[in-house]
Amino acid sequence: MIEVFTSKYCAPCKILKKFLSELNIKYIEVNIDSPDGMERFMKLKTNAIPVMRFRNGKLFIGCPRKKEELIKVLRENGEKVSL
């Protein structure tokens, strides 16, 4: 399952979560506002959010501007997307 690192004050995070929900993609949200979430985020060695960590271990940093771009990223990382 995809892990999505977010913060409650992050507008791109909200957009990404909306896109994922609209595509019926299941994910685990890791809120970096919590100490545990921040500790897990720091291990990624990045300082930008949102971050998606895929099953293959690859990271995608940021939020695609269009849902179609997100679909491409998901498929490139082995996620099944049905339209």
PDB file of N, CA and C in Angstrom:
ATOM      1  N   MET A   1       0.849  -1.183   0.000  1.00  0.00           N
ATOM      2  CA  MET A   1       0.000   0.000   0.000  1.00  0.00           C
ATOM      3  C   MET A   1       0.893   1.244   0.000  1.00  0.00           C
ATOM      4  N   ILE A   2       0.432   2.266  -0.655  1.00  0.00           N
ATOM      5  CA  ILE A   2       1.170   3.523  -0.733  1.00  0.00           C
ATOM      6  C   ILE A   2       1.116   4.224   0.618  1.00  0.00           C
ATOM      7  N   GLU A   3       2.238   4.823   0.996  1.00  0.00           N
ATOM      8  CA  GLU A   3       2.266   5.711   2.162  1.00  0.00           C
ATOM      9  C   GLU A   3       2.305   7.135   1.629  1.00  0.00           C
ATOM     10  N   VAL A   4       1.476   8.000   2.192  1.00  0.00           N
ATOM     11  CA  VAL A   4       1.447   9.400   1.781  1.00  0.00           C
ATOM     12  C   VAL A   4       1.774  10.249   3.003  1.00  0.00           C
ATOM     13  N   PHE A   5       2.883  10.969   2.924  1.00  0.00           N
ATOM     14  CA  PHE A   5       3.336  11.829   4.016  1.00  0.00           C
ATOM     15  C   PHE A   5       2.747  13.212   3.795  1.00  0.00           C
ATOM     16  N   THR A   6       2.004  13.693   4.806  1.00  0.00           N
ATOM     17  CA  THR A   6       1.264  14.947   4.681  1.00  0.00           C
ATOM     18  C   THR A   6       1.366  15.781   5.957  1.00  0.00           C
ATOM     19  N   SER A   7       0.818  16.985   5.857  1.00  0.00           N
ATOM     20  CA  SER A   7       0.661  17.870   7.006  1.00  0.00           C
ATOM     21  C   SER A   7      -0.717  18.517   6.879  1.00  0.00           C
ATOM     22  N   LYS A   8      -1.341  18.815   7.990  1.00  0.00           N
ATOM     23  CA  LYS A   8      -2.696  19.376   7.913  1.00  0.00           C
ATOM     24  C   LYS A   8      -2.731  20.773   7.294  1.00  0.00           C
ATOM     25  N   TYR A   9      -1.604  21.475   7.250  1.00  0.00           N
ATOM     26  CA  TYR A   9      -1.568  22.826   6.680  1.00  0.00           C
ATOM     27  C   TYR A   9      -1.076  22.850   5.237  1.00  0.00           C
ATOM     28  N   CYS A  10      -0.916  21.694   4.626  1.00  0.00           N
ATOM     29  CA  CYS A  10      -0.339  21.574   3.284  1.00  0.00           C
ATOM     30  C   CYS A  10      -1.448  21.485   2.237  1.00  0.00           C
ATOM     31  N   ALA A  11      -1.619  22.543   1.437  1.00  0.00           N
ATOM     32  CA  ALA A  11      -2.664  22.543   0.406  1.00  0.00           C
ATOM     33  C   ALA A  11      -2.423  21.472  -0.665  1.00  0.00           C
ATOM     34  N   PRO A  12      -1.193  21.306  -1.193  1.00  0.00           N
ATOM     35  CA  PRO A  12      -0.972  20.236  -2.170  1.00  0.00           C
ATOM     36  C   PRO A  12      -1.273  18.847  -1.600  1.00  0.00           C
ATOM     37  N   CYS A  13      -1.055  18.661  -0.311  1.00  0.00           N
ATOM     38  CA  CYS A  13      -1.368  17.377   0.333  1.00  0.00           C
ATOM     39  C   CYS A  13      -2.862  17.085   0.228  1.00  0.00           C
ATOM     40  N   LYS A  14      -3.673  18.100   0.439  1.00  0.00           N
ATOM     41  CA  LYS A  14      -5.128  17.928   0.371  1.00  0.00           C
ATOM     42  C   LYS A  14      -5.569  17.573  -1.045  1.00  0.00           C
ATOM     43  N   ILE A  15      -4.946  18.203  -2.029  1.00  0.00           N
ATOM     44  CA  ILE A  15      -5.271  17.914  -3.431  1.00  0.00           C
ATOM     45  C   ILE A  15      -4.881  16.480  -3.771  1.00  0.00           C
ATOM     46  N   LEU A  16      -3.685  16.064  -3.357  1.00  0.00           N
ATOM     47  CA  LEU A  16      -3.223  14.705  -3.634  1.00  0.00           C
ATOM     48  C   LEU A  16      -4.166  13.675  -3.012  1.00  0.00           C
ATOM     49  N   LYS A  17      -4.548  13.892  -1.762  1.00  0.00           N
ATOM     50  CA  LYS A  17      -5.459  12.953  -1.094  1.00  0.00           C
ATOM     51  C   LYS A  17      -6.811  12.906  -1.806  1.00  0.00           C
ATOM     52  N   LYS A  18      -7.277  14.049  -2.300  1.00  0.00           N
ATOM     53  CA  LYS A  18      -8.546  14.093  -3.043  1.00  0.00           C
ATOM     54  C   LYS A  18      -8.436  13.271  -4.323  1.00  0.00           C
ATOM     55  N   PHE A  19      -7.342  13.468  -5.080  1.00  0.00           N
ATOM     56  CA  PHE A  19      -7.124  12.697  -6.309  1.00  0.00           C
ATOM     57  C   PHE A  19      -7.090  11.199  -6.011  1.00  0.00           C
ATOM     58  N   LEU A  20      -6.337  10.803  -4.986  1.00  0.00           N
ATOM     59  CA  LEU A  20      -6.220   9.383  -4.644  1.00  0.00           C
ATOM     60  C   LEU A  20      -7.585   8.803  -4.280  1.00  0.00           C
ATOM     61  N   SER A  21      -8.360   9.547  -3.527  1.00  0.00           N
ATOM     62  CA  SER A  21      -9.700   9.087  -3.146  1.00  0.00           C
ATOM     63  C   SER A  21     -10.608   8.954  -4.364  1.00  0.00           C
ATOM     64  N   GLU A  22     -10.547   9.925  -5.263  1.00  0.00           N
ATOM     65  CA  GLU A  22     -11.372   9.875  -6.477  1.00  0.00           C
ATOM     66  C   GLU A  22     -11.018   8.676  -7.352  1.00  0.00           C
ATOM     67  N   LEU A  23      -9.750   8.241  -7.294  1.00  0.00           N
ATOM     68  CA  LEU A  23      -9.290   7.088  -8.079  1.00  0.00           C
ATOM     69  C   LEU A  23      -9.438   5.772  -7.315  1.00  0.00           C
ATOM     70  N   ASN A  24      -9.995   5.849  -6.113  1.00  0.00           N
ATOM     71  CA  ASN A  24     -10.162   4.665  -5.250  1.00  0.00           C
ATOM     72  C   ASN A  24      -8.841   3.961  -4.960  1.00  0.00           C
ATOM     73  N   ILE A  25      -7.778   4.749  -4.771  1.00  0.00           N
ATOM     74  CA  ILE A  25      -6.467   4.215  -4.418  1.00  0.00           C
ATOM     75  C   ILE A  25      -6.366   4.206  -2.900  1.00  0.00           C
ATOM     76  N   LYS A  26      -6.108   3.039  -2.353  1.00  0.00           N
ATOM     77  CA  LYS A  26      -5.947   2.939  -0.897  1.00  0.00           C
ATOM     78  C   LYS A  26      -4.534   3.369  -0.532  1.00  0.00           C
ATOM     79  N   TYR A  27      -4.439   4.109   0.567  1.00  0.00           N
ATOM     80  CA  TYR A  27      -3.135   4.582   1.020  1.00  0.00           C
ATOM     81  C   TYR A  27      -3.147   4.729   2.530  1.00  0.00           C
ATOM     82  N   ILE A  28      -1.950   4.770   3.066  1.00  0.00           N
ATOM     83  CA  ILE A  28      -1.775   5.026   4.493  1.00  0.00           C
ATOM     84  C   ILE A  28      -1.267   6.453   4.619  1.00  0.00           C
ATOM     85  N   GLU A  29      -1.981   7.267   5.373  1.00  0.00           N
ATOM     86  CA  GLU A  29      -1.553   8.652   5.577  1.00  0.00           C
ATOM     87  C   GLU A  29      -0.638   8.724   6.793  1.00  0.00           C
ATOM     88  N   VAL A  30       0.517   9.350   6.593  1.00  0.00           N
ATOM     89  CA  VAL A  30       1.462   9.584   7.683  1.00  0.00           C
ATOM     90  C   VAL A  30       1.511  11.094   7.894  1.00  0.00           C
ATOM     91  N   ASN A  31       0.950  11.556   9.000  1.00  0.00           N
ATOM     92  CA  ASN A  31       0.893  12.984   9.295  1.00  0.00           C
ATOM     93  C   ASN A  31       2.193  13.399   9.976  1.00  0.00           C
ATOM     94  N   ILE A  32       2.950  14.267   9.311  1.00  0.00           N
ATOM     95  CA  ILE A  32       4.248  14.666   9.867  1.00  0.00           C
ATOM     96  C   ILE A  32       4.110  15.691  10.985  1.00  0.00           C
ATOM     97  N   ASP A  33       2.870  16.089  11.301  1.00  0.00           N
ATOM     98  CA  ASP A  33       2.654  16.984  12.439  1.00  0.00           C
ATOM     99  C   ASP A  33       2.805  16.241  13.763  1.00  0.00           C
ATOM    100  N   SER A  34       2.755  14.918  13.710  1.00  0.00           N
ATOM    101  CA  SER A  34       2.928  14.119  14.930  1.00  0.00           C
ATOM    102  C   SER A  34       4.399  13.724  15.073  1.00  0.00           C
ATOM    103  N   PRO A  35       4.881  13.522  16.294  1.00  0.00           N
ATOM    104  CA  PRO A  35       6.283  13.131  16.492  1.00  0.00           C
ATOM    105  C   PRO A  35       6.642  11.841  15.746  1.00  0.00           C
ATOM    106  N   ASP A  36       5.764  10.838  15.791  1.00  0.00           N
ATOM    107  CA  ASP A  36       6.038   9.577  15.100  1.00  0.00           C
ATOM    108  C   ASP A  36       6.087   9.783  13.588  1.00  0.00           C
ATOM    109  N   GLY A  37       5.132  10.562  13.070  1.00  0.00           N
ATOM    110  CA  GLY A  37       5.103  10.852  11.642  1.00  0.00           C
ATOM    111  C   GLY A  37       6.334  11.612  11.193  1.00  0.00           C
ATOM    112  N   MET A  38       6.770  12.583  11.989  1.00  0.00           N
ATOM    113  CA  MET A  38       7.965  13.350  11.652  1.00  0.00           C
ATOM    114  C   MET A  38       9.202  12.459  11.666  1.00  0.00           C
ATOM    115  N   GLU A  39       9.279  11.561  12.623  1.00  0.00           N
ATOM    116  CA  GLU A  39      10.423  10.642  12.696  1.00  0.00           C
ATOM    117  C   GLU A  39      10.484   9.772  11.435  1.00  0.00           C
ATOM    118  N   ARG A  40       9.349   9.268  11.008  1.00  0.00           N
ATOM    119  CA  ARG A  40       9.304   8.447   9.789  1.00  0.00           C
ATOM    120  C   ARG A  40       9.641   9.287   8.553  1.00  0.00           C
ATOM    121  N   PHE A  41       9.158  10.519   8.519  1.00  0.00           N
ATOM    122  CA  PHE A  41       9.427  11.420   7.400  1.00  0.00           C
ATOM    123  C   PHE A  41      10.913  11.740   7.296  1.00  0.00           C
ATOM    124  N   MET A  42      11.563  11.970   8.414  1.00  0.00           N
ATOM    125  CA  MET A  42      12.991  12.316   8.417  1.00  0.00           C
ATOM    126  C   MET A  42      13.836  11.202   7.800  1.00  0.00           C
ATOM    127  N   LYS A  43      13.397   9.970   7.925  1.00  0.00           N
ATOM    128  CA  LYS A  43      14.131   8.835   7.349  1.00  0.00           C
ATOM    129  C   LYS A  43      14.104   8.854   5.825  1.00  0.00           C
ATOM    130  N   LEU A  44      13.183   9.607   5.237  1.00  0.00           N
ATOM    131  CA  LEU A  44      13.092   9.694   3.780  1.00  0.00           C
ATOM    132  C   LEU A  44      14.177  10.593   3.195  1.00  0.00           C
ATOM    133  N   LYS A  45      14.777  11.427   4.035  1.00  0.00           N
ATOM    134  CA  LYS A  45      15.843  12.354   3.629  1.00  0.00           C
ATOM    135  C   LYS A  45      15.371  13.339   2.560  1.00  0.00           C
ATOM    136  N   THR A  46      14.197  13.878   2.776  1.00  0.00           N
ATOM    137  CA  THR A  46      13.673  14.944   1.934  1.00  0.00           C
ATOM    138  C   THR A  46      13.062  15.988   2.857  1.00  0.00           C
ATOM    139  N   ASN A  47      12.834  17.169   2.333  1.00  0.00           N
ATOM    140  CA  ASN A  47      12.233  18.203   3.182  1.00  0.00           C
ATOM    141  C   ASN A  47      10.968  18.787   2.559  1.00  0.00           C
ATOM    142  N   ALA A  48      10.418  18.090   1.572  1.00  0.00           N
ATOM    143  CA  ALA A  48       9.219  18.583   0.894  1.00  0.00           C
ATOM    144  C   ALA A  48       8.074  17.593   1.072  1.00  0.00           C
ATOM    145  N   ILE A  49       6.868  18.129   1.119  1.00  0.00           N
ATOM    146  CA  ILE A  49       5.673  17.295   1.161  1.00  0.00           C
ATOM    147  C   ILE A  49       4.688  17.816   0.126  1.00  0.00           C
ATOM    148  N   PRO A  50       3.763  17.019  -0.324  1.00  0.00           N
ATOM    149  CA  PRO A  50       3.539  15.630   0.037  1.00  0.00           C
ATOM    150  C   PRO A  50       4.572  14.702  -0.593  1.00  0.00           C
ATOM    151  N   VAL A  51       4.711  13.535   0.009  1.00  0.00           N
ATOM    152  CA  VAL A  51       5.576  12.483  -0.521  1.00  0.00           C
ATOM    153  C   VAL A  51       4.763  11.198  -0.564  1.00  0.00           C
ATOM    154  N   MET A  52       4.823  10.524  -1.710  1.00  0.00           N
ATOM    155  CA  MET A  52       4.242   9.189  -1.810  1.00  0.00           C
ATOM    156  C   MET A  52       5.390   8.189  -1.819  1.00  0.00           C
ATOM    157  N   ARG A  53       5.302   7.184  -0.954  1.00  0.00           N
ATOM    158  CA  ARG A  53       6.283   6.096  -0.972  1.00  0.00           C
ATOM    159  C   ARG A  53       5.536   4.855  -1.443  1.00  0.00           C
ATOM    160  N   PHE A  54       6.031   4.295  -2.547  1.00  0.00           N
ATOM    161  CA  PHE A  54       5.382   3.144  -3.160  1.00  0.00           C
ATOM    162  C   PHE A  54       5.936   1.839  -2.612  1.00  0.00           C
ATOM    163  N   ARG A  55       5.219   0.756  -2.934  1.00  0.00           N
ATOM    164  CA  ARG A  55       5.647  -0.581  -2.488  1.00  0.00           C
ATOM    165  C   ARG A  55       7.038  -0.925  -2.981  1.00  0.00           C
ATOM    166  N   ASN A  56       7.410  -0.382  -4.149  1.00  0.00           N
ATOM    167  CA  ASN A  56       8.728  -0.661  -4.711  1.00  0.00           C
ATOM    168  C   ASN A  56       9.830   0.162  -4.039  1.00  0.00           C
ATOM    169  N   GLY A  57       9.461   0.972  -3.051  1.00  0.00           N
ATOM    170  CA  GLY A  57      10.433   1.776  -2.314  1.00  0.00           C
ATOM    171  C   GLY A  57      10.710   3.141  -2.914  1.00  0.00           C
ATOM    172  N   LYS A  58      10.234   3.380  -4.125  1.00  0.00           N
ATOM    173  CA  LYS A  58      10.475   4.666  -4.776  1.00  0.00           C
ATOM    174  C   LYS A  58       9.602   5.746  -4.162  1.00  0.00           C
ATOM    175  N   LEU A  59      10.120   6.968  -4.234  1.00  0.00           N
ATOM    176  CA  LEU A  59       9.408   8.133  -3.713  1.00  0.00           C
ATOM    177  C   LEU A  59       8.960   9.024  -4.858  1.00  0.00           C
ATOM    178  N   PHE A  60       7.814   9.657  -4.681  1.00  0.00           N
ATOM    179  CA  PHE A  60       7.382  10.731  -5.563  1.00  0.00           C
ATOM    180  C   PHE A  60       7.096  11.916  -4.663  1.00  0.00           C
ATOM    181  N   ILE A  61       7.790  13.009  -4.923  1.00  0.00           N
ATOM    182  CA  ILE A  61       7.661  14.202  -4.088  1.00  0.00           C
ATOM    183  C   ILE A  61       6.821  15.233  -4.827  1.00  0.00           C
ATOM    184  N   GLY A  62       5.807  15.750  -4.148  1.00  0.00           N
ATOM    185  CA  GLY A  62       4.949  16.769  -4.730  1.00  0.00           C
ATOM    186  C   GLY A  62       3.597  16.216  -5.115  1.00  0.00           C
ATOM    187  N   CYS A  63       2.815  17.069  -5.743  1.00  0.00           N
ATOM    188  CA  CYS A  63       1.464  16.690  -6.170  1.00  0.00           C
ATOM    189  C   CYS A  63       1.323  16.987  -7.657  1.00  0.00           C
ATOM    190  N   PRO A  64       1.024  15.965  -8.464  1.00  0.00           N
ATOM    191  CA  PRO A  64       0.784  16.240  -9.884  1.00  0.00           C
ATOM    192  C   PRO A  64      -0.346  17.256 -10.040  1.00  0.00           C
ATOM    193  N   ARG A  65      -0.229  18.095 -11.057  1.00  0.00           N
ATOM    194  CA  ARG A  65      -1.228  19.150 -11.254  1.00  0.00           C
ATOM    195  C   ARG A  65      -2.563  18.613 -11.765  1.00  0.00           C
ATOM    196  N   LYS A  66      -2.493  17.482 -12.468  1.00  0.00           N
ATOM    197  CA  LYS A  66      -3.712  16.898 -13.030  1.00  0.00           C
ATOM    198  C   LYS A  66      -3.827  15.448 -12.597  1.00  0.00           C
ATOM    199  N   LYS A  67      -5.059  14.986 -12.511  1.00  0.00           N
ATOM    200  CA  LYS A  67      -5.310  13.603 -12.114  1.00  0.00           C
ATOM    201  C   LYS A  67      -4.656  12.632 -13.106  1.00  0.00           C
ATOM    202  N   GLU A  68      -4.633  12.991 -14.394  1.00  0.00           N
ATOM    203  CA  GLU A  68      -4.025  12.137 -15.415  1.00  0.00           C
ATOM    204  C   GLU A  68      -2.533  11.949 -15.150  1.00  0.00           C
ATOM    205  N   GLU A  69      -1.865  12.997 -14.677  1.00  0.00           N
ATOM    206  CA  GLU A  69      -0.439  12.899 -14.343  1.00  0.00           C
ATOM    207  C   GLU A  69      -0.237  11.957 -13.163  1.00  0.00           C
ATOM    208  N   LEU A  70      -1.133  12.009 -12.193  1.00  0.00           N
ATOM    209  CA  LEU A  70      -1.050  11.110 -11.043  1.00  0.00           C
ATOM    210  C   LEU A  70      -1.242   9.665 -11.487  1.00  0.00           C
ATOM    211  N   ILE A  71      -2.180   9.428 -12.384  1.00  0.00           N
ATOM    212  CA  ILE A  71      -2.409   8.071 -12.891  1.00  0.00           C
ATOM    213  C   ILE A  71      -1.132   7.528 -13.515  1.00  0.00           C
ATOM    214  N   LYS A  72      -0.445   8.340 -14.292  1.00  0.00           N
ATOM    215  CA  LYS A  72       0.812   7.919 -14.927  1.00  0.00           C
ATOM    216  C   LYS A  72       1.855   7.557 -13.869  1.00  0.00           C
ATOM    217  N   VAL A  73       2.004   8.392 -12.859  1.00  0.00           N
ATOM    218  CA  VAL A  73       2.971   8.132 -11.781  1.00  0.00           C
ATOM    219  C   VAL A  73       2.619   6.840 -11.049  1.00  0.00           C
ATOM    220  N   LEU A  74       1.350   6.657 -10.747  1.00  0.00           N
ATOM    221  CA  LEU A  74       0.913   5.448 -10.048  1.00  0.00           C
ATOM    222  C   LEU A  74       1.237   4.206 -10.866  1.00  0.00           C
ATOM    223  N   ARG A  75       0.904   4.229 -12.142  1.00  0.00           N
ATOM    224  CA  ARG A  75       1.157   3.067 -13.008  1.00  0.00           C
ATOM    225  C   ARG A  75       2.646   2.800 -13.174  1.00  0.00           C
ATOM    226  N   GLU A  76       3.443   3.849 -13.294  1.00  0.00           N
ATOM    227  CA  GLU A  76       4.896   3.678 -13.418  1.00  0.00           C
ATOM    228  C   GLU A  76       5.502   3.017 -12.186  1.00  0.00           C
ATOM    229  N   ASN A  77       4.805   3.112 -11.071  1.00  0.00           N
ATOM    230  CA  ASN A  77       5.300   2.539  -9.821  1.00  0.00           C
ATOM    231  C   ASN A  77       4.534   1.281  -9.408  1.00  0.00           C
ATOM    232  N   GLY A  78       3.883   0.653 -10.380  1.00  0.00           N
ATOM    233  CA  GLY A  78       3.276  -0.648 -10.162  1.00  0.00           C
ATOM    234  C   GLY A  78       1.909  -0.664  -9.524  1.00  0.00           C
ATOM    235  N   GLU A  79       1.271   0.490  -9.407  1.00  0.00           N
ATOM    236  CA  GLU A  79      -0.068   0.537  -8.813  1.00  0.00           C
ATOM    237  C   GLU A  79      -1.114   0.326  -9.902  1.00  0.00           C
ATOM    238  N   LYS A  80      -2.139  -0.424  -9.575  1.00  0.00           N
ATOM    239  CA  LYS A  80      -3.224  -0.665 -10.524  1.00  0.00           C
ATOM    240  C   LYS A  80      -4.256   0.442 -10.384  1.00  0.00           C
ATOM    241  N   VAL A  81      -4.544   1.071 -11.518  1.00  0.00           N
ATOM    242  CA  VAL A  81      -5.530   2.152 -11.544  1.00  0.00           C
ATOM    243  C   VAL A  81      -6.593   1.773 -12.563  1.00  0.00           C
ATOM    244  N   SER A  82      -7.817   1.668 -12.117  1.00  0.00           N
ATOM    245  CA  SER A  82      -8.912   1.396 -13.052  1.00  0.00           C
ATOM    246  C   SER A  82      -9.769   2.645 -13.162  1.00  0.00           C
ATOM    247  N   LEU A  83     -10.110   2.972 -14.377  1.00  0.00           N
ATOM    248  CA  LEU A  83     -10.891   4.194 -14.622  1.00  0.00           C
ATOM    249  C   LEU A  83     -12.337   3.877 -14.868  1.00  0.00           C
TER     250      LEU A  83
END
